[in-house]
Amino acid sequence: MNTLKLVTITGLSMLLMLSSAGYVVAQDEESFIREAVVSKRDAVVLSTLFPGLGQMTQGQKVKGITFFLGEAASLIIAINSHENYSTKQKTFDRDMDVFNKLAVIPGKTHVEASRLYKDLKDQNDELNNLNTYRNTAIVVAVGVWAYNVVDAIFFSPSLTESRRVERDTHDKIVV
């Protein structure tokens, strides 16, 4: 479980770093930029709805896809962790009821009670790990979304900038 958590957190962190280094990753960002069909305000709204959509409509394909995949992965992990947590919580509650009933039933041995207590302790540790895993995935999802919105507001090109790059690129080819 701890190895899976470490691999997931590392992978999501790498996706987030890759998205922040989008300017470096896209070898020639100008080749990806086309005339924007949506305004910067619309791109911000799209990015607010789901990370990466605004960047993709503004022509920043690598950055947009990175945000999209990072958000999708962290949401899938959060949902999966929540479902696992809920299932394990029900099992833990059922076993805790059995343990509590075992304490009042005469004739049960100390060995049975200590075995069940050890199982309950292990289940509780697993529940704590799943809760941490779920919360981490949620924090990463919120972080990707927030960084995406900041990027869409402050770092994405406006409609006139996209047109200027398109015109300059076209002028270089014509001359």
N, C-alpha and C. Protein backbone atom coordinates (compact mmCIF):
# COMPACT_ATOMS: atom_id res chain seq x y z
N MET A 1 0.82 -1.20 0.00
CA MET A 1 0.00 0.00 0.00
C MET A 1 0.86 1.26 0.00
N ASN A 2 1.90 1.29 0.82
CA ASN A 2 2.75 2.46 0.89
C ASN A 2 3.50 2.68 -0.42
N THR A 3 3.90 1.60 -1.08
CA THR A 3 4.60 1.72 -2.36
C THR A 3 3.67 2.31 -3.41
N LEU A 4 2.43 1.85 -3.44
CA LEU A 4 1.46 2.38 -4.39
C LEU A 4 1.22 3.87 -4.15
N LYS A 5 1.12 4.25 -2.89
CA LYS A 5 0.92 5.65 -2.55
C LYS A 5 2.12 6.49 -3.01
N LEU A 6 3.31 6.01 -2.77
CA LEU A 6 4.51 6.73 -3.16
C LEU A 6 4.60 6.88 -4.67
N VAL A 7 4.30 5.81 -5.40
CA VAL A 7 4.33 5.87 -6.87
C VAL A 7 3.29 6.84 -7.39
N THR A 8 2.10 6.82 -6.83
CA THR A 8 1.04 7.72 -7.28
C THR A 8 1.38 9.17 -7.00
N ILE A 9 1.83 9.46 -5.80
CA ILE A 9 2.17 10.84 -5.45
C ILE A 9 3.33 11.32 -6.31
N THR A 10 4.32 10.47 -6.54
CA THR A 10 5.43 10.84 -7.39
C THR A 10 4.98 11.11 -8.82
N GLY A 11 4.10 10.25 -9.35
CA GLY A 11 3.60 10.43 -10.71
C GLY A 11 2.80 11.70 -10.86
N LEU A 12 1.91 11.98 -9.91
CA LEU A 12 1.13 13.20 -9.98
C LEU A 12 2.00 14.44 -9.81
N SER A 13 3.02 14.35 -8.97
CA SER A 13 3.94 15.48 -8.81
C SER A 13 4.72 15.73 -10.10
N MET A 14 5.11 14.66 -10.77
CA MET A 14 5.83 14.82 -12.04
C MET A 14 4.92 15.44 -13.09
N LEU A 15 3.63 15.05 -13.12
CA LEU A 15 2.69 15.67 -14.05
C LEU A 15 2.54 17.15 -13.77
N LEU A 16 2.46 17.51 -12.51
CA LEU A 16 2.32 18.92 -12.14
C LEU A 16 3.57 19.71 -12.53
N MET A 17 4.75 19.12 -12.29
CA MET A 17 5.98 19.81 -12.68
C MET A 17 6.08 19.93 -14.19
N LEU A 18 5.65 18.90 -14.91
CA LEU A 18 5.68 18.95 -16.36
C LEU A 18 4.77 20.04 -16.88
N SER A 19 3.62 20.21 -16.25
CA SER A 19 2.71 21.26 -16.70
C SER A 19 3.29 22.64 -16.42
N SER A 20 4.01 22.79 -15.32
CA SER A 20 4.60 24.09 -15.03
C SER A 20 5.80 24.36 -15.93
N ALA A 21 6.39 23.32 -16.47
CA ALA A 21 7.51 23.49 -17.39
C ALA A 21 7.04 23.37 -18.83
N GLY A 22 5.78 23.65 -19.04
CA GLY A 22 5.19 23.53 -20.38
C GLY A 22 5.89 24.37 -21.42
N TYR A 23 6.43 25.49 -21.01
CA TYR A 23 7.13 26.35 -21.95
C TYR A 23 8.39 25.67 -22.47
N VAL A 24 9.04 24.90 -21.63
CA VAL A 24 10.26 24.22 -22.02
C VAL A 24 9.95 22.95 -22.81
N VAL A 25 8.90 22.23 -22.41
CA VAL A 25 8.57 20.96 -23.03
C VAL A 25 8.14 21.15 -24.48
N ALA A 26 7.33 22.17 -24.73
CA ALA A 26 6.89 22.43 -26.10
C ALA A 26 8.06 23.09 -26.82
N GLN A 27 8.76 22.31 -27.65
CA GLN A 27 9.98 22.77 -28.28
C GLN A 27 9.79 24.12 -28.96
N ASP A 28 8.76 24.26 -29.71
CA ASP A 28 8.49 25.51 -30.40
C ASP A 28 7.02 25.83 -30.16
N GLU A 29 6.77 26.55 -29.09
CA GLU A 29 5.39 26.84 -28.70
C GLU A 29 4.65 27.56 -29.82
N GLU A 30 5.37 28.38 -30.60
CA GLU A 30 4.72 29.13 -31.67
C GLU A 30 4.13 28.20 -32.73
N SER A 31 4.74 27.03 -32.92
CA SER A 31 4.20 26.12 -33.91
C SER A 31 2.87 25.51 -33.45
N PHE A 32 2.64 25.53 -32.14
CA PHE A 32 1.39 25.00 -31.62
C PHE A 32 0.29 26.06 -31.57
N ILE A 33 0.70 27.33 -31.58
CA ILE A 33 -0.28 28.41 -31.43
C ILE A 33 -0.95 28.67 -32.76
N ARG A 34 -2.25 28.69 -32.72
CA ARG A 34 -3.03 29.04 -33.90
C ARG A 34 -3.90 30.22 -33.51
N GLU A 35 -4.59 30.75 -34.44
CA GLU A 35 -5.48 31.84 -34.09
C GLU A 35 -6.55 31.30 -33.16
N ALA A 36 -6.70 31.95 -32.04
CA ALA A 36 -7.65 31.47 -31.03
C ALA A 36 -9.07 31.66 -31.53
N VAL A 37 -9.87 30.65 -31.33
CA VAL A 37 -11.27 30.75 -31.71
C VAL A 37 -12.13 31.19 -30.53
N VAL A 38 -11.54 31.23 -29.35
CA VAL A 38 -12.25 31.71 -28.17
C VAL A 38 -11.43 32.83 -27.54
N SER A 39 -12.11 33.70 -26.84
CA SER A 39 -11.42 34.80 -26.17
C SER A 39 -10.72 34.27 -24.92
N LYS A 40 -9.88 35.12 -24.35
CA LYS A 40 -9.18 34.72 -23.14
C LYS A 40 -10.17 34.49 -22.00
N ARG A 41 -11.21 35.31 -21.93
CA ARG A 41 -12.24 35.14 -20.90
C ARG A 41 -12.91 33.77 -21.04
N ASP A 42 -13.22 33.39 -22.28
CA ASP A 42 -13.83 32.07 -22.50
C ASP A 42 -12.86 30.94 -22.15
N ALA A 43 -11.59 31.15 -22.44
CA ALA A 43 -10.59 30.14 -22.09
C ALA A 43 -10.48 29.97 -20.58
N VAL A 44 -10.58 31.08 -19.85
CA VAL A 44 -10.55 31.01 -18.38
C VAL A 44 -11.77 30.25 -17.87
N VAL A 45 -12.93 30.51 -18.46
CA VAL A 45 -14.15 29.80 -18.05
C VAL A 45 -14.00 28.31 -18.33
N LEU A 46 -13.47 27.95 -19.51
CA LEU A 46 -13.28 26.53 -19.84
C LEU A 46 -12.28 25.89 -18.88
N SER A 47 -11.22 26.60 -18.54
CA SER A 47 -10.24 26.06 -17.59
C SER A 47 -10.82 25.90 -16.21
N THR A 48 -11.75 26.78 -15.86
CA THR A 48 -12.40 26.67 -14.56
C THR A 48 -13.32 25.45 -14.52
N LEU A 49 -13.97 25.17 -15.64
CA LEU A 49 -14.85 23.99 -15.70
C LEU A 49 -14.06 22.70 -15.56
N PHE A 50 -12.96 22.58 -16.32
CA PHE A 50 -12.08 21.42 -16.18
C PHE A 50 -10.69 21.81 -16.65
N PRO A 51 -9.68 21.53 -15.84
CA PRO A 51 -8.33 21.96 -16.16
C PRO A 51 -7.85 21.49 -17.53
N GLY A 52 -7.22 22.40 -18.23
CA GLY A 52 -6.60 22.10 -19.52
C GLY A 52 -7.44 22.49 -20.72
N LEU A 53 -8.75 22.62 -20.55
CA LEU A 53 -9.61 22.93 -21.69
C LEU A 53 -9.30 24.31 -22.25
N GLY A 54 -9.13 25.29 -21.37
CA GLY A 54 -8.82 26.65 -21.82
C GLY A 54 -7.48 26.73 -22.52
N GLN A 55 -6.47 26.03 -21.98
CA GLN A 55 -5.16 26.05 -22.61
C GLN A 55 -5.21 25.41 -23.99
N MET A 56 -5.95 24.32 -24.11
CA MET A 56 -6.04 23.65 -25.42
C MET A 56 -6.74 24.54 -26.44
N THR A 57 -7.77 25.27 -26.03
CA THR A 57 -8.45 26.14 -26.99
C THR A 57 -7.61 27.35 -27.35
N GLN A 58 -6.65 27.69 -26.51
CA GLN A 58 -5.75 28.81 -26.79
C GLN A 58 -4.52 28.36 -27.58
N GLY A 59 -4.42 27.07 -27.89
CA GLY A 59 -3.31 26.58 -28.69
C GLY A 59 -2.16 26.01 -27.89
N GLN A 60 -2.25 26.00 -26.59
CA GLN A 60 -1.18 25.44 -25.76
C GLN A 60 -1.51 23.97 -25.49
N LYS A 61 -1.29 23.15 -26.50
CA LYS A 61 -1.74 21.75 -26.45
C LYS A 61 -1.03 20.95 -25.36
N VAL A 62 0.29 21.05 -25.28
CA VAL A 62 1.05 20.24 -24.32
C VAL A 62 0.64 20.57 -22.90
N LYS A 63 0.56 21.86 -22.60
CA LYS A 63 0.17 22.29 -21.26
C LYS A 63 -1.26 21.86 -20.96
N GLY A 64 -2.16 22.04 -21.90
CA GLY A 64 -3.56 21.69 -21.70
C GLY A 64 -3.74 20.20 -21.45
N ILE A 65 -3.08 19.38 -22.24
CA ILE A 65 -3.19 17.93 -22.07
C ILE A 65 -2.59 17.50 -20.74
N THR A 66 -1.50 18.14 -20.33
CA THR A 66 -0.88 17.80 -19.05
C THR A 66 -1.81 18.13 -17.89
N PHE A 67 -2.41 19.31 -17.92
CA PHE A 67 -3.38 19.67 -16.88
C PHE A 67 -4.56 18.70 -16.88
N PHE A 68 -5.06 18.40 -18.06
CA PHE A 68 -6.22 17.51 -18.18
C PHE A 68 -5.91 16.14 -17.60
N LEU A 69 -4.78 15.56 -17.99
CA LEU A 69 -4.41 14.23 -17.48
C LEU A 69 -4.13 14.24 -15.99
N GLY A 70 -3.45 15.28 -15.50
CA GLY A 70 -3.17 15.37 -14.06
C GLY A 70 -4.44 15.44 -13.23
N GLU A 71 -5.39 16.25 -13.69
CA GLU A 71 -6.66 16.37 -12.96
C GLU A 71 -7.46 15.08 -13.04
N ALA A 72 -7.53 14.49 -14.23
CA ALA A 72 -8.28 13.25 -14.39
C ALA A 72 -7.70 12.14 -13.52
N ALA A 73 -6.38 12.00 -13.53
CA ALA A 73 -5.74 10.95 -12.73
C ALA A 73 -5.98 11.16 -11.24
N SER A 74 -5.82 12.39 -10.77
CA SER A 74 -6.01 12.62 -9.34
C SER A 74 -7.47 12.43 -8.92
N LEU A 75 -8.42 12.79 -9.79
CA LEU A 75 -9.83 12.56 -9.46
C LEU A 75 -10.17 11.07 -9.45
N ILE A 76 -9.64 10.32 -10.40
CA ILE A 76 -9.88 8.88 -10.43
C ILE A 76 -9.31 8.22 -9.18
N ILE A 77 -8.12 8.62 -8.79
CA ILE A 77 -7.50 8.06 -7.58
C ILE A 77 -8.30 8.43 -6.34
N ALA A 78 -8.77 9.68 -6.27
CA ALA A 78 -9.57 10.11 -5.11
C ALA A 78 -10.87 9.32 -5.02
N ILE A 79 -11.55 9.14 -6.15
CA ILE A 79 -12.81 8.40 -6.15
C ILE A 79 -12.58 6.94 -5.77
N ASN A 80 -11.55 6.33 -6.35
CA ASN A 80 -11.24 4.93 -6.05
C ASN A 80 -10.87 4.77 -4.57
N SER A 81 -10.07 5.68 -4.05
CA SER A 81 -9.68 5.61 -2.64
C SER A 81 -10.89 5.78 -1.73
N HIS A 82 -11.80 6.66 -2.12
CA HIS A 82 -13.00 6.87 -1.31
C HIS A 82 -13.87 5.61 -1.28
N GLU A 83 -14.02 4.97 -2.42
CA GLU A 83 -14.81 3.72 -2.46
C GLU A 83 -14.15 2.64 -1.62
N ASN A 84 -12.83 2.49 -1.73
CA ASN A 84 -12.12 1.51 -0.91
C ASN A 84 -12.27 1.83 0.57
N TYR A 85 -12.17 3.10 0.92
CA TYR A 85 -12.31 3.52 2.31
C TYR A 85 -13.70 3.18 2.83
N SER A 86 -14.72 3.48 2.06
CA SER A 86 -16.10 3.20 2.49
C SER A 86 -16.32 1.72 2.72
N THR A 87 -15.82 0.89 1.80
CA THR A 87 -15.97 -0.55 1.94
C THR A 87 -15.24 -1.07 3.17
N LYS A 88 -14.01 -0.63 3.36
CA LYS A 88 -13.22 -1.08 4.52
C LYS A 88 -13.82 -0.56 5.83
N GLN A 89 -14.42 0.64 5.80
CA GLN A 89 -15.04 1.18 7.01
C GLN A 89 -16.22 0.32 7.44
N LYS A 90 -17.02 -0.14 6.48
CA LYS A 90 -18.15 -1.02 6.81
C LYS A 90 -17.66 -2.32 7.42
N THR A 91 -16.60 -2.89 6.85
CA THR A 91 -16.03 -4.13 7.39
C THR A 91 -15.50 -3.91 8.80
N PHE A 92 -14.82 -2.79 9.00
CA PHE A 92 -14.28 -2.47 10.32
C PHE A 92 -15.39 -2.33 11.34
N ASP A 93 -16.46 -1.61 10.97
CA ASP A 93 -17.58 -1.42 11.91
C ASP A 93 -18.23 -2.75 12.27
N ARG A 94 -18.38 -3.64 11.27
CA ARG A 94 -18.96 -4.96 11.54
C ARG A 94 -18.08 -5.76 12.49
N ASP A 95 -16.77 -5.76 12.23
CA ASP A 95 -15.85 -6.50 13.10
C ASP A 95 -15.77 -5.90 14.50
N MET A 96 -15.92 -4.58 14.59
CA MET A 96 -15.90 -3.94 15.90
C MET A 96 -17.13 -4.36 16.71
N ASP A 97 -18.27 -4.48 16.05
CA ASP A 97 -19.47 -4.97 16.74
C ASP A 97 -19.26 -6.39 17.26
N VAL A 98 -18.65 -7.24 16.43
CA VAL A 98 -18.36 -8.62 16.85
C VAL A 98 -17.42 -8.61 18.05
N PHE A 99 -16.41 -7.76 18.00
CA PHE A 99 -15.46 -7.67 19.12
C PHE A 99 -16.16 -7.22 20.40
N ASN A 100 -17.01 -6.23 20.30
CA ASN A 100 -17.73 -5.75 21.48
C ASN A 100 -18.67 -6.82 22.04
N LYS A 101 -19.31 -7.57 21.17
CA LYS A 101 -20.18 -8.66 21.64
C LYS A 101 -19.37 -9.79 22.26
N LEU A 102 -18.16 -9.99 21.74
CA LEU A 102 -17.29 -11.05 22.25
C LEU A 102 -16.91 -10.78 23.71
N ALA A 103 -16.81 -9.52 24.05
CA ALA A 103 -16.41 -9.16 25.41
C ALA A 103 -17.48 -9.51 26.45
N VAL A 104 -18.74 -9.53 26.05
CA VAL A 104 -19.80 -9.80 27.02
C VAL A 104 -20.28 -11.25 26.99
N ILE A 105 -19.84 -12.03 26.02
CA ILE A 105 -20.26 -13.44 25.92
C ILE A 105 -19.36 -14.28 26.82
N PRO A 106 -19.93 -14.99 27.76
CA PRO A 106 -19.11 -15.84 28.63
C PRO A 106 -18.61 -17.06 27.86
N GLY A 107 -17.44 -17.53 28.22
CA GLY A 107 -16.89 -18.74 27.64
C GLY A 107 -15.97 -18.49 26.46
N LYS A 108 -15.85 -17.24 25.97
CA LYS A 108 -14.92 -16.96 24.88
C LYS A 108 -13.53 -16.81 25.46
N THR A 109 -12.57 -17.28 24.73
CA THR A 109 -11.20 -17.28 25.23
C THR A 109 -10.52 -15.95 24.97
N HIS A 110 -9.50 -15.75 25.73
CA HIS A 110 -8.67 -14.57 25.59
C HIS A 110 -7.96 -14.58 24.23
N VAL A 111 -7.61 -15.73 23.74
CA VAL A 111 -6.90 -15.86 22.46
C VAL A 111 -7.77 -15.35 21.32
N GLU A 112 -9.05 -15.72 21.32
CA GLU A 112 -9.96 -15.25 20.26
C GLU A 112 -10.09 -13.73 20.31
N ALA A 113 -10.21 -13.18 21.48
CA ALA A 113 -10.36 -11.73 21.63
C ALA A 113 -9.10 -11.00 21.18
N SER A 114 -7.94 -11.52 21.56
CA SER A 114 -6.69 -10.84 21.16
C SER A 114 -6.45 -10.95 19.66
N ARG A 115 -6.85 -12.08 19.06
CA ARG A 115 -6.71 -12.23 17.60
C ARG A 115 -7.60 -11.23 16.88
N LEU A 116 -8.83 -11.11 17.34
CA LEU A 116 -9.76 -10.17 16.73
C LEU A 116 -9.30 -8.72 16.96
N TYR A 117 -8.74 -8.45 18.12
CA TYR A 117 -8.23 -7.11 18.39
C TYR A 117 -7.08 -6.76 17.45
N LYS A 118 -6.19 -7.73 17.21
CA LYS A 118 -5.08 -7.50 16.27
C LYS A 118 -5.61 -7.24 14.86
N ASP A 119 -6.61 -8.01 14.44
CA ASP A 119 -7.21 -7.78 13.13
C ASP A 119 -7.84 -6.39 13.04
N LEU A 120 -8.51 -5.98 14.11
CA LEU A 120 -9.12 -4.65 14.13
C LEU A 120 -8.07 -3.55 14.06
N LYS A 121 -6.97 -3.76 14.76
CA LYS A 121 -5.89 -2.78 14.73
C LYS A 121 -5.30 -2.67 13.32
N ASP A 122 -5.11 -3.80 12.65
CA ASP A 122 -4.60 -3.78 11.27
C ASP A 122 -5.58 -3.10 10.32
N GLN A 123 -6.87 -3.39 10.51
CA GLN A 123 -7.89 -2.75 9.67
C GLN A 123 -7.92 -1.23 9.91
N ASN A 124 -7.75 -0.82 11.14
CA ASN A 124 -7.74 0.61 11.45
C ASN A 124 -6.54 1.30 10.81
N ASP A 125 -5.39 0.63 10.84
CA ASP A 125 -4.20 1.20 10.19
C ASP A 125 -4.42 1.33 8.69
N GLU A 126 -5.05 0.33 8.08
CA GLU A 126 -5.33 0.39 6.66
C GLU A 126 -6.33 1.50 6.34
N LEU A 127 -7.32 1.68 7.21
CA LEU A 127 -8.28 2.77 7.02
C LEU A 127 -7.58 4.13 7.09
N ASN A 128 -6.67 4.28 8.04
CA ASN A 128 -5.92 5.53 8.14
C ASN A 128 -5.09 5.79 6.89
N ASN A 129 -4.46 4.74 6.35
CA ASN A 129 -3.67 4.89 5.12
C ASN A 129 -4.57 5.27 3.94
N LEU A 130 -5.72 4.62 3.82
CA LEU A 130 -6.64 4.96 2.73
C LEU A 130 -7.16 6.39 2.86
N ASN A 131 -7.42 6.83 4.08
CA ASN A 131 -7.88 8.19 4.30
C ASN A 131 -6.81 9.19 3.89
N THR A 132 -5.57 8.92 4.25
CA THR A 132 -4.47 9.80 3.86
C THR A 132 -4.31 9.82 2.35
N TYR A 133 -4.39 8.66 1.73
CA TYR A 133 -4.27 8.53 0.27
C TYR A 133 -5.38 9.31 -0.42
N ARG A 134 -6.60 9.16 0.06
CA ARG A 134 -7.75 9.87 -0.51
C ARG A 134 -7.58 11.38 -0.36
N ASN A 135 -7.21 11.82 0.82
CA ASN A 135 -7.03 13.26 1.05
C ASN A 135 -5.91 13.84 0.21
N THR A 136 -4.83 13.07 0.05
CA THR A 136 -3.72 13.54 -0.79
C THR A 136 -4.16 13.70 -2.23
N ALA A 137 -4.92 12.75 -2.74
CA ALA A 137 -5.40 12.84 -4.12
C ALA A 137 -6.33 14.03 -4.30
N ILE A 138 -7.16 14.31 -3.30
CA ILE A 138 -8.05 15.47 -3.36
C ILE A 138 -7.25 16.77 -3.35
N VAL A 139 -6.25 16.84 -2.50
CA VAL A 139 -5.40 18.04 -2.44
C VAL A 139 -4.68 18.25 -3.77
N VAL A 140 -4.18 17.17 -4.36
CA VAL A 140 -3.51 17.29 -5.66
C VAL A 140 -4.50 17.76 -6.73
N ALA A 141 -5.72 17.22 -6.72
CA ALA A 141 -6.73 17.63 -7.70
C ALA A 141 -7.05 19.12 -7.55
N VAL A 142 -7.22 19.57 -6.32
CA VAL A 142 -7.50 20.99 -6.09
C VAL A 142 -6.30 21.85 -6.49
N GLY A 143 -5.10 21.37 -6.21
CA GLY A 143 -3.89 22.10 -6.60
C GLY A 143 -3.75 22.22 -8.10
N VAL A 144 -4.01 21.14 -8.82
CA VAL A 144 -3.94 21.19 -10.29
C VAL A 144 -4.99 22.16 -10.82
N TRP A 145 -6.20 22.10 -10.26
CA TRP A 145 -7.25 23.00 -10.72
C TRP A 145 -6.88 24.46 -10.46
N ALA A 146 -6.38 24.75 -9.26
CA ALA A 146 -6.02 26.13 -8.91
C ALA A 146 -4.88 26.65 -9.78
N TYR A 147 -3.85 25.83 -9.96
CA TYR A 147 -2.72 26.25 -10.80
C TYR A 147 -3.18 26.45 -12.24
N ASN A 148 -4.07 25.60 -12.70
CA ASN A 148 -4.61 25.71 -14.04
C ASN A 148 -5.35 27.04 -14.23
N VAL A 149 -6.17 27.42 -13.25
CA VAL A 149 -6.91 28.68 -13.36
C VAL A 149 -5.95 29.87 -13.34
N VAL A 150 -4.96 29.83 -12.46
CA VAL A 150 -3.96 30.90 -12.41
C VAL A 150 -3.22 30.98 -13.75
N ASP A 151 -2.87 29.83 -14.30
CA ASP A 151 -2.19 29.81 -15.60
C ASP A 151 -3.09 30.39 -16.69
N ALA A 152 -4.36 30.02 -16.68
CA ALA A 152 -5.28 30.52 -17.71
C ALA A 152 -5.47 32.03 -17.60
N ILE A 153 -5.48 32.55 -16.39
CA ILE A 153 -5.70 33.98 -16.20
C ILE A 153 -4.44 34.79 -16.53
N PHE A 154 -3.29 34.35 -16.03
CA PHE A 154 -2.09 35.17 -16.13
C PHE A 154 -1.12 34.77 -17.23
N PHE A 155 -1.09 33.52 -17.65
CA PHE A 155 -0.04 33.07 -18.55
C PHE A 155 -0.52 32.66 -19.93
N SER A 156 -1.81 32.55 -20.16
CA SER A 156 -2.27 32.17 -21.49
C SER A 156 -2.36 33.43 -22.35
N PRO A 157 -2.12 33.26 -23.65
CA PRO A 157 -2.13 34.44 -24.52
C PRO A 157 -3.55 34.96 -24.72
N SER A 158 -3.63 36.26 -24.94
CA SER A 158 -4.94 36.83 -25.25
C SER A 158 -5.23 36.58 -26.73
N LEU A 159 -6.41 36.92 -27.16
CA LEU A 159 -6.81 36.73 -28.54
C LEU A 159 -5.91 37.52 -29.47
N THR A 160 -5.54 38.75 -29.10
CA THR A 160 -4.69 39.56 -29.97
C THR A 160 -3.27 39.00 -30.03
N GLU A 161 -2.76 38.46 -28.91
CA GLU A 161 -1.43 37.86 -28.93
C GLU A 161 -1.39 36.65 -29.84
N SER A 162 -2.43 35.83 -29.81
CA SER A 162 -2.48 34.65 -30.67
C SER A 162 -2.51 35.06 -32.14
N ARG A 163 -3.29 36.09 -32.44
CA ARG A 163 -3.36 36.56 -33.83
C ARG A 163 -2.03 37.14 -34.27
N ARG A 164 -1.35 37.88 -33.37
CA ARG A 164 -0.06 38.48 -33.71
C ARG A 164 0.97 37.39 -34.01
N VAL A 165 1.01 36.35 -33.19
CA VAL A 165 1.95 35.25 -33.44
C VAL A 165 1.65 34.58 -34.77
N GLU A 166 0.37 34.37 -35.05
CA GLU A 166 -0.04 33.76 -36.31
C GLU A 166 0.38 34.64 -37.49
N ARG A 167 0.15 35.96 -37.35
CA ARG A 167 0.49 36.90 -38.43
C ARG A 167 2.00 36.95 -38.62
N ASP A 168 2.77 37.04 -37.50
CA ASP A 168 4.23 37.09 -37.61
C ASP A 168 4.78 35.82 -38.23
N THR A 169 4.25 34.68 -37.86
CA THR A 169 4.69 33.41 -38.43
C THR A 169 4.36 33.37 -39.93
N HIS A 170 3.18 33.85 -40.26
CA HIS A 170 2.78 33.87 -41.67
C HIS A 170 3.66 34.83 -42.47
N ASP A 171 3.99 36.01 -41.89
CA ASP A 171 4.84 36.99 -42.57
C ASP A 171 6.24 36.44 -42.79
N LYS A 172 6.77 35.68 -41.84
CA LYS A 172 8.11 35.10 -42.01
C LYS A 172 8.13 34.09 -43.14
N ILE A 173 7.06 33.35 -43.29
CA ILE A 173 6.99 32.34 -44.34
C ILE A 173 6.86 33.04 -45.71
N VAL A 174 6.07 34.09 -45.79
CA VAL A 174 5.83 34.79 -47.05
C VAL A 174 7.09 35.51 -47.51
N VAL A 175 7.83 36.13 -46.62
CA VAL A 175 9.01 36.91 -46.99
C VAL A 175 10.10 36.02 -47.37
